[in-house]
PDB file of N, CA and C in Angstrom:
ATOM      1  N   MET A   1       0.833  -1.180   0.000  1.00  0.00           N
ATOM      2  CA  MET A   1       0.000   0.000   0.000  1.00  0.00           C
ATOM      3  C   MET A   1       0.879   1.245   0.000  1.00  0.00           C
ATOM      4  N   ASN A   2       0.455   2.255  -0.719  1.00  0.00           N
ATOM      5  CA  ASN A   2       1.156   3.531  -0.724  1.00  0.00           C
ATOM      6  C   ASN A   2       0.627   4.342   0.467  1.00  0.00           C
ATOM      7  N   TRP A   3       1.403   4.395   1.537  1.00  0.00           N
ATOM      8  CA  TRP A   3       0.955   5.025   2.774  1.00  0.00           C
ATOM      9  C   TRP A   3       0.813   6.537   2.636  1.00  0.00           C
ATOM     10  N   GLN A   4       1.603   7.135   1.790  1.00  0.00           N
ATOM     11  CA  GLN A   4       1.496   8.577   1.588  1.00  0.00           C
ATOM     12  C   GLN A   4       0.170   8.935   0.910  1.00  0.00           C
ATOM     13  N   ARG A   5      -0.203   8.183  -0.088  1.00  0.00           N
ATOM     14  CA  ARG A   5      -1.505   8.421  -0.734  1.00  0.00           C
ATOM     15  C   ARG A   5      -2.655   8.057   0.202  1.00  0.00           C
ATOM     16  N   ALA A   6      -2.455   7.001   1.012  1.00  0.00           N
ATOM     17  CA  ALA A   6      -3.476   6.619   1.989  1.00  0.00           C
ATOM     18  C   ALA A   6      -3.693   7.738   2.997  1.00  0.00           C
ATOM     19  N   LEU A   7      -2.616   8.407   3.398  1.00  0.00           N
ATOM     20  CA  LEU A   7      -2.743   9.511   4.344  1.00  0.00           C
ATOM     21  C   LEU A   7      -3.542  10.660   3.743  1.00  0.00           C
ATOM     22  N   VAL A   8      -3.257  10.993   2.506  1.00  0.00           N
ATOM     23  CA  VAL A   8      -4.021  12.057   1.840  1.00  0.00           C
ATOM     24  C   VAL A   8      -5.504  11.686   1.804  1.00  0.00           C
ATOM     25  N   CYS A   9      -5.800  10.449   1.454  1.00  0.00           N
ATOM     26  CA  CYS A   9      -7.204   9.999   1.414  1.00  0.00           C
ATOM     27  C   CYS A   9      -7.839  10.047   2.797  1.00  0.00           C
ATOM     28  N   LYS A  10      -7.085   9.650   3.825  1.00  0.00           N
ATOM     29  CA  LYS A  10      -7.626   9.657   5.182  1.00  0.00           C
ATOM     30  C   LYS A  10      -7.899  11.088   5.652  1.00  0.00           C
ATOM     31  N   ILE A  11      -7.056  12.031   5.275  1.00  0.00           N
ATOM     32  CA  ILE A  11      -7.295  13.438   5.613  1.00  0.00           C
ATOM     33  C   ILE A  11      -8.577  13.910   4.942  1.00  0.00           C
ATOM     34  N   LEU A  12      -8.758  13.551   3.686  1.00  0.00           N
ATOM     35  CA  LEU A  12      -9.980  13.930   2.972  1.00  0.00           C
ATOM     36  C   LEU A  12     -11.206  13.297   3.630  1.00  0.00           C
ATOM     37  N   GLN A  13     -11.045  12.087   4.105  1.00  0.00           N
ATOM     38  CA  GLN A  13     -12.140  11.324   4.719  1.00  0.00           C
ATOM     39  C   GLN A  13     -12.518  11.894   6.092  1.00  0.00           C
ATOM     40  N   THR A  14     -11.519  12.200   6.919  1.00  0.00           N
ATOM     41  CA  THR A  14     -11.774  12.629   8.297  1.00  0.00           C
ATOM     42  C   THR A  14     -11.808  14.140   8.459  1.00  0.00           C
ATOM     43  N   LYS A  15     -11.243  14.859   7.487  1.00  0.00           N
ATOM     44  CA  LYS A  15     -11.113  16.330   7.547  1.00  0.00           C
ATOM     45  C   LYS A  15     -10.203  16.777   8.686  1.00  0.00           C
ATOM     46  N   ASP A  16      -9.326  15.888   9.153  1.00  0.00           N
ATOM     47  CA  ASP A  16      -8.494  16.147  10.328  1.00  0.00           C
ATOM     48  C   ASP A  16      -7.055  16.492   9.949  1.00  0.00           C
ATOM     49  N   LEU A  17      -6.870  17.614   9.305  1.00  0.00           N
ATOM     50  CA  LEU A  17      -5.532  18.036   8.893  1.00  0.00           C
ATOM     51  C   LEU A  17      -4.694  18.484  10.092  1.00  0.00           C
ATOM     52  N   ARG A  18      -5.306  19.153  11.041  1.00  0.00           N
ATOM     53  CA  ARG A  18      -4.550  19.671  12.193  1.00  0.00           C
ATOM     54  C   ARG A  18      -3.874  18.558  12.983  1.00  0.00           C
ATOM     55  N   HIS A  19      -4.549  17.452  13.169  1.00  0.00           N
ATOM     56  CA  HIS A  19      -3.959  16.326  13.907  1.00  0.00           C
ATOM     57  C   HIS A  19      -2.709  15.827  13.184  1.00  0.00           C
ATOM     58  N   VAL A  20      -2.784  15.779  11.879  1.00  0.00           N
ATOM     59  CA  VAL A  20      -1.664  15.289  11.064  1.00  0.00           C
ATOM     60  C   VAL A  20      -0.494  16.267  11.104  1.00  0.00           C
ATOM     61  N   THR A  21      -0.784  17.548  10.954  1.00  0.00           N
ATOM     62  CA  THR A  21       0.305  18.532  10.876  1.00  0.00           C
ATOM     63  C   THR A  21       0.828  18.958  12.244  1.00  0.00           C
ATOM     64  N   ILE A  22      -0.022  18.975  13.260  1.00  0.00           N
ATOM     65  CA  ILE A  22       0.417  19.423  14.584  1.00  0.00           C
ATOM     66  C   ILE A  22       0.912  18.250  15.439  1.00  0.00           C
ATOM     67  N   THR A  23       0.079  17.232  15.626  1.00  0.00           N
ATOM     68  CA  THR A  23       0.459  16.098  16.473  1.00  0.00           C
ATOM     69  C   THR A  23       1.586  15.276  15.852  1.00  0.00           C
ATOM     70  N   HIS A  24       1.452  14.994  14.557  1.00  0.00           N
ATOM     71  CA  HIS A  24       2.437  14.127  13.897  1.00  0.00           C
ATOM     72  C   HIS A  24       3.516  14.888  13.128  1.00  0.00           C
ATOM     73  N   ARG A  25       3.349  16.189  13.013  1.00  0.00           N
ATOM     74  CA  ARG A  25       4.332  17.047  12.335  1.00  0.00           C
ATOM     75  C   ARG A  25       4.642  16.601  10.907  1.00  0.00           C
ATOM     76  N   ILE A  26       3.617  16.193  10.204  1.00  0.00           N
ATOM     77  CA  ILE A  26       3.763  15.796   8.807  1.00  0.00           C
ATOM     78  C   ILE A  26       3.796  17.062   7.950  1.00  0.00           C
ATOM     79  N   ARG A  27       4.767  17.167   7.075  1.00  0.00           N
ATOM     80  CA  ARG A  27       4.935  18.306   6.167  1.00  0.00           C
ATOM     81  C   ARG A  27       5.069  17.783   4.741  1.00  0.00           C
ATOM     82  N   PRO A  28       4.779  18.609   3.748  1.00  0.00           N
ATOM     83  CA  PRO A  28       4.914  18.158   2.353  1.00  0.00           C
ATOM     84  C   PRO A  28       6.316  17.629   2.032  1.00  0.00           C
ATOM     85  N   SER A  29       7.331  18.184   2.647  1.00  0.00           N
ATOM     86  CA  SER A  29       8.709  17.754   2.368  1.00  0.00           C
ATOM     87  C   SER A  29       8.978  16.302   2.781  1.00  0.00           C
ATOM     88  N   LEU A  30       8.133  15.732   3.631  1.00  0.00           N
ATOM     89  CA  LEU A  30       8.290  14.345   4.072  1.00  0.00           C
ATOM     90  C   LEU A  30       7.872  13.349   2.982  1.00  0.00           C
ATOM     91  N   PHE A  31       7.062  13.813   2.038  1.00  0.00           N
ATOM     92  CA  PHE A  31       6.522  12.934   1.002  1.00  0.00           C
ATOM     93  C   PHE A  31       7.542  12.696  -0.106  1.00  0.00           C
ATOM     94  N   THR A  32       7.726  11.429  -0.471  1.00  0.00           N
ATOM     95  CA  THR A  32       8.604  11.079  -1.593  1.00  0.00           C
ATOM     96  C   THR A  32       7.806  10.805  -2.862  1.00  0.00           C
ATOM     97  N   ASP A  33       6.530  10.504  -2.723  1.00  0.00           N
ATOM     98  CA  ASP A  33       5.640  10.282  -3.865  1.00  0.00           C
ATOM     99  C   ASP A  33       5.204  11.660  -4.374  1.00  0.00           C
ATOM    100  N   PRO A  34       5.593  12.032  -5.602  1.00  0.00           N
ATOM    101  CA  PRO A  34       5.294  13.377  -6.101  1.00  0.00           C
ATOM    102  C   PRO A  34       3.802  13.716  -6.131  1.00  0.00           C
ATOM    103  N   LEU A  35       2.968  12.767  -6.492  1.00  0.00           N
ATOM    104  CA  LEU A  35       1.528  13.025  -6.569  1.00  0.00           C
ATOM    105  C   LEU A  35       0.937  13.208  -5.165  1.00  0.00           C
ATOM    106  N   ALA A  36       1.365  12.382  -4.220  1.00  0.00           N
ATOM    107  CA  ALA A  36       0.900  12.515  -2.838  1.00  0.00           C
ATOM    108  C   ALA A  36       1.390  13.831  -2.240  1.00  0.00           C
ATOM    109  N   ARG A  37       2.644  14.208  -2.553  1.00  0.00           N
ATOM    110  CA  ARG A  37       3.181  15.474  -2.053  1.00  0.00           C
ATOM    111  C   ARG A  37       2.373  16.647  -2.587  1.00  0.00           C
ATOM    112  N   GLN A  38       2.075  16.624  -3.876  1.00  0.00           N
ATOM    113  CA  GLN A  38       1.288  17.694  -4.476  1.00  0.00           C
ATOM    114  C   GLN A  38      -0.115  17.758  -3.859  1.00  0.00           C
ATOM    115  N   ALA A  39      -0.741  16.611  -3.682  1.00  0.00           N
ATOM    116  CA  ALA A  39      -2.083  16.564  -3.107  1.00  0.00           C
ATOM    117  C   ALA A  39      -2.075  17.080  -1.672  1.00  0.00           C
ATOM    118  N   PHE A  40      -1.087  16.651  -0.879  1.00  0.00           N
ATOM    119  CA  PHE A  40      -0.990  17.104   0.507  1.00  0.00           C
ATOM    120  C   PHE A  40      -0.766  18.618   0.556  1.00  0.00           C
ATOM    121  N   ALA A  41       0.134  19.111  -0.279  1.00  0.00           N
ATOM    122  CA  ALA A  41       0.410  20.553  -0.312  1.00  0.00           C
ATOM    123  C   ALA A  41      -0.844  21.344  -0.700  1.00  0.00           C
ATOM    124  N   GLU A  42      -1.624  20.824  -1.624  1.00  0.00           N
ATOM    125  CA  GLU A  42      -2.866  21.499  -2.027  1.00  0.00           C
ATOM    126  C   GLU A  42      -3.897  21.505  -0.906  1.00  0.00           C
ATOM    127  N   ILE A  43      -3.951  20.420  -0.135  1.00  0.00           N
ATOM    128  CA  ILE A  43      -4.861  20.370   1.014  1.00  0.00           C
ATOM    129  C   ILE A  43      -4.458  21.436   2.035  1.00  0.00           C
ATOM    130  N   VAL A  44      -3.163  21.535   2.314  1.00  0.00           N
ATOM    131  CA  VAL A  44      -2.665  22.532   3.262  1.00  0.00           C
ATOM    132  C   VAL A  44      -2.977  23.936   2.756  1.00  0.00           C
ATOM    133  N   LYS A  45      -2.729  24.181   1.488  1.00  0.00           N
ATOM    134  CA  LYS A  45      -3.000  25.494   0.882  1.00  0.00           C
ATOM    135  C   LYS A  45      -4.497  25.832   0.975  1.00  0.00           C
ATOM    136  N   HIS A  46      -5.332  24.871   0.642  1.00  0.00           N
ATOM    137  CA  HIS A  46      -6.782  25.066   0.707  1.00  0.00           C
ATOM    138  C   HIS A  46      -7.212  25.373   2.145  1.00  0.00           C
ATOM    139  N   PHE A  47      -6.643  24.639   3.091  1.00  0.00           N
ATOM    140  CA  PHE A  47      -6.996  24.835   4.503  1.00  0.00           C
ATOM    141  C   PHE A  47      -6.590  26.230   4.983  1.00  0.00           C
ATOM    142  N   LYS A  48      -5.415  26.677   4.575  1.00  0.00           N
ATOM    143  CA  LYS A  48      -4.948  28.011   4.981  1.00  0.00           C
ATOM    144  C   LYS A  48      -5.855  29.106   4.423  1.00  0.00           C
ATOM    145  N   THR A  49      -6.383  28.890   3.223  1.00  0.00           N
ATOM    146  CA  THR A  49      -7.235  29.893   2.585  1.00  0.00           C
ATOM    147  C   THR A  49      -8.670  29.838   3.085  1.00  0.00           C
ATOM    148  N   TYR A  50      -9.237  28.637   3.173  1.00  0.00           N
ATOM    149  CA  TYR A  50     -10.673  28.492   3.446  1.00  0.00           C
ATOM    150  C   TYR A  50     -11.003  27.912   4.825  1.00  0.00           C
ATOM    151  N   ARG A  51      -9.968  27.541   5.600  1.00  0.00           N
ATOM    152  CA  ARG A  51     -10.155  26.970   6.933  1.00  0.00           C
ATOM    153  C   ARG A  51     -10.956  25.672   6.932  1.00  0.00           C
ATOM    154  N   GLU A  52     -10.809  24.913   5.854  1.00  0.00           N
ATOM    155  CA  GLU A  52     -11.438  23.597   5.772  1.00  0.00           C
ATOM    156  C   GLU A  52     -10.654  22.728   4.807  1.00  0.00           C
ATOM    157  N   VAL A  53     -10.769  21.435   4.984  1.00  0.00           N
ATOM    158  CA  VAL A  53     -10.154  20.468   4.079  1.00  0.00           C
ATOM    159  C   VAL A  53     -11.065  20.361   2.854  1.00  0.00           C
ATOM    160  N   PRO A  54     -10.487  20.350   1.654  1.00  0.00           N
ATOM    161  CA  PRO A  54     -11.337  20.255   0.466  1.00  0.00           C
ATOM    162  C   PRO A  54     -11.998  18.884   0.340  1.00  0.00           C
ATOM    163  N   SER A  55     -13.002  18.811  -0.499  1.00  0.00           N
ATOM    164  CA  SER A  55     -13.641  17.535  -0.800  1.00  0.00           C
ATOM    165  C   SER A  55     -12.736  16.736  -1.743  1.00  0.00           C
ATOM    166  N   PRO A  56     -12.924  15.435  -1.822  1.00  0.00           N
ATOM    167  CA  PRO A  56     -12.155  14.637  -2.782  1.00  0.00           C
ATOM    168  C   PRO A  56     -12.354  15.131  -4.220  1.00  0.00           C
ATOM    169  N   GLU A  57     -13.563  15.551  -4.536  1.00  0.00           N
ATOM    170  CA  GLU A  57     -13.855  16.034  -5.889  1.00  0.00           C
ATOM    171  C   GLU A  57     -13.099  17.322  -6.188  1.00  0.00           C
ATOM    172  N   PHE A  58     -13.049  18.220  -5.215  1.00  0.00           N
ATOM    173  CA  PHE A  58     -12.317  19.478  -5.394  1.00  0.00           C
ATOM    174  C   PHE A  58     -10.837  19.192  -5.613  1.00  0.00           C
ATOM    175  N   LEU A  59     -10.267  18.310  -4.770  1.00  0.00           N
ATOM    176  CA  LEU A  59      -8.848  17.988  -4.889  1.00  0.00           C
ATOM    177  C   LEU A  59      -8.539  17.360  -6.239  1.00  0.00           C
ATOM    178  N   LYS A  60      -9.417  16.495  -6.721  1.00  0.00           N
ATOM    179  CA  LYS A  60      -9.192  15.860  -8.026  1.00  0.00           C
ATOM    180  C   LYS A  60      -9.150  16.899  -9.142  1.00  0.00           C
ATOM    181  N   GLY A  61      -9.921  17.990  -8.998  1.00  0.00           N
ATOM    182  CA  GLY A  61      -9.883  19.067  -9.978  1.00  0.00           C
ATOM    183  C   GLY A  61      -8.571  19.826  -9.980  1.00  0.00           C
ATOM    184  N   VAL A  62      -7.908  19.865  -8.822  1.00  0.00           N
ATOM    185  CA  VAL A  62      -6.640  20.577  -8.690  1.00  0.00           C
ATOM    186  C   VAL A  62      -5.454  19.650  -8.968  1.00  0.00           C
ATOM    187  N   VAL A  63      -5.601  18.391  -8.590  1.00  0.00           N
ATOM    188  CA  VAL A  63      -4.560  17.375  -8.797  1.00  0.00           C
ATOM    189  C   VAL A  63      -5.206  16.228  -9.576  1.00  0.00           C
ATOM    190  N   PRO A  64      -5.349  16.380 -10.889  1.00  0.00           N
ATOM    191  CA  PRO A  64      -6.126  15.428 -11.700  1.00  0.00           C
ATOM    192  C   PRO A  64      -5.699  13.965 -11.606  1.00  0.00           C
ATOM    193  N   GLY A  65      -4.444  13.688 -11.383  1.00  0.00           N
ATOM    194  CA  GLY A  65      -3.991  12.297 -11.334  1.00  0.00           C
ATOM    195  C   GLY A  65      -4.260  11.593 -10.020  1.00  0.00           C
ATOM    196  N   PHE A  66      -4.703  12.331  -9.017  1.00  0.00           N
ATOM    197  CA  PHE A  66      -4.899  11.726  -7.700  1.00  0.00           C
ATOM    198  C   PHE A  66      -6.239  11.011  -7.626  1.00  0.00           C
ATOM    199  N   GLU A  67      -6.209   9.756  -7.183  1.00  0.00           N
ATOM    200  CA  GLU A  67      -7.426   8.948  -7.048  1.00  0.00           C
ATOM    201  C   GLU A  67      -7.757   8.758  -5.571  1.00  0.00           C
ATOM    202  N   TYR A  68      -8.949   9.166  -5.181  1.00  0.00           N
ATOM    203  CA  TYR A  68      -9.406   9.007  -3.800  1.00  0.00           C
ATOM    204  C   TYR A  68      -9.949   7.600  -3.587  1.00  0.00           C
ATOM    205  N   GLN A  69      -9.652   7.045  -2.419  1.00  0.00           N
ATOM    206  CA  GLN A  69     -10.255   5.775  -2.021  1.00  0.00           C
ATOM    207  C   GLN A  69     -10.435   5.766  -0.511  1.00  0.00           C
ATOM    208  N   GLU A  70     -11.460   5.065  -0.052  1.00  0.00           N
ATOM    209  CA  GLU A  70     -11.719   4.950   1.383  1.00  0.00           C
ATOM    210  C   GLU A  70     -10.577   4.178   2.035  1.00  0.00           C
ATOM    211  N   VAL A  71     -10.179   4.619   3.221  1.00  0.00           N
ATOM    212  CA  VAL A  71      -9.101   3.983   3.971  1.00  0.00           C
ATOM    213  C   VAL A  71      -9.646   3.626   5.349  1.00  0.00           C
ATOM    214  N   SER A  72      -9.460   2.379   5.769  1.00  0.00           N
ATOM    215  CA  SER A  72     -10.025   1.942   7.046  1.00  0.00           C
ATOM    216  C   SER A  72      -9.040   2.035   8.208  1.00  0.00           C
ATOM    217  N   ASP A  73      -7.754   2.151   7.924  1.00  0.00           N
ATOM    218  CA  ASP A  73      -6.766   2.250   9.002  1.00  0.00           C
ATOM    219  C   ASP A  73      -6.885   3.591   9.720  1.00  0.00           C
ATOM    220  N   SER A  74      -6.431   3.641  10.968  1.00  0.00           N
ATOM    221  CA  SER A  74      -6.503   4.889  11.728  1.00  0.00           C
ATOM    222  C   SER A  74      -5.512   5.913  11.183  1.00  0.00           C
ATOM    223  N   ILE A  75      -5.837   7.163  11.388  1.00  0.00           N
ATOM    224  CA  ILE A  75      -4.960   8.230  10.903  1.00  0.00           C
ATOM    225  C   ILE A  75      -3.616   8.192  11.629  1.00  0.00           C
ATOM    226  N   ASP A  76      -3.617   7.807  12.901  1.00  0.00           N
ATOM    227  CA  ASP A  76      -2.362   7.709  13.652  1.00  0.00           C
ATOM    228  C   ASP A  76      -1.457   6.619  13.094  1.00  0.00           C
ATOM    229  N   ALA A  77      -2.029   5.462  12.790  1.00  0.00           N
ATOM    230  CA  ALA A  77      -1.241   4.357  12.234  1.00  0.00           C
ATOM    231  C   ALA A  77      -0.665   4.729  10.872  1.00  0.00           C
ATOM    232  N   ILE A  78      -1.458   5.400  10.061  1.00  0.00           N
ATOM    233  CA  ILE A  78      -0.980   5.804   8.732  1.00  0.00           C
ATOM    234  C   ILE A  78       0.138   6.834   8.862  1.00  0.00           C
ATOM    235  N   CYS A  79      -0.025   7.792   9.760  1.00  0.00           N
ATOM    236  CA  CYS A  79       1.037   8.789   9.972  1.00  0.00           C
ATOM    237  C   CYS A  79       2.340   8.112  10.404  1.00  0.00           C
ATOM    238  N   ASP A  80       2.243   7.136  11.286  1.00  0.00           N
ATOM    239  CA  ASP A  80       3.445   6.405  11.721  1.00  0.00           C
ATOM    240  C   ASP A  80       4.115   5.712  10.546  1.00  0.00           C
ATOM    241  N   ARG A  81       3.330   5.103   9.678  1.00  0.00           N
ATOM    242  CA  ARG A  81       3.905   4.416   8.509  1.00  0.00           C
ATOM    243  C   ARG A  81       4.577   5.410   7.576  1.00  0.00           C
ATOM    244  N   VAL A  82       3.955   6.565   7.363  1.00  0.00           N
ATOM    245  CA  VAL A  82       4.538   7.587   6.492  1.00  0.00           C
ATOM    246  C   VAL A  82       5.870   8.069   7.070  1.00  0.00           C
ATOM    247  N   LYS A  83       5.919   8.283   8.375  1.00  0.00           N
ATOM    248  CA  LYS A  83       7.156   8.757   8.991  1.00  0.00           C
ATOM    249  C   LYS A  83       8.247   7.691   8.981  1.00  0.00           C
ATOM    250  N   ASP A  84       7.874   6.412   8.969  1.00  0.00           N
ATOM    251  CA  ASP A  84       8.840   5.312   8.963  1.00  0.00           C
ATOM    252  C   ASP A  84       9.409   5.032   7.576  1.00  0.00           C
ATOM    253  N   GLU A  85       8.771   5.556   6.538  1.00  0.00           N
ATOM    254  CA  GLU A  85       9.237   5.263   5.168  1.00  0.00           C
ATOM    255  C   GLU A  85      10.538   5.970   4.864  1.00  0.00           C
TER     256      GLU A  85
END
């Protein structure tokens, strides 16, 4: 599984960007997958402007190659996997 893309999907699913960026200190520079990095950076940019996480449909319009899928793992477990990569 691509944990970086899973994290982006989980953020879109839970709308919990602050937990990811504050508690886990995840930043775009941590991403090695270019598409996941771009998607994460766009989510952060959208949040800074509108104070909300975008919808999967909105993100797909900004990052056309990104495919959203439901993720059942916890956001904490996914963040740990991303940091371990």
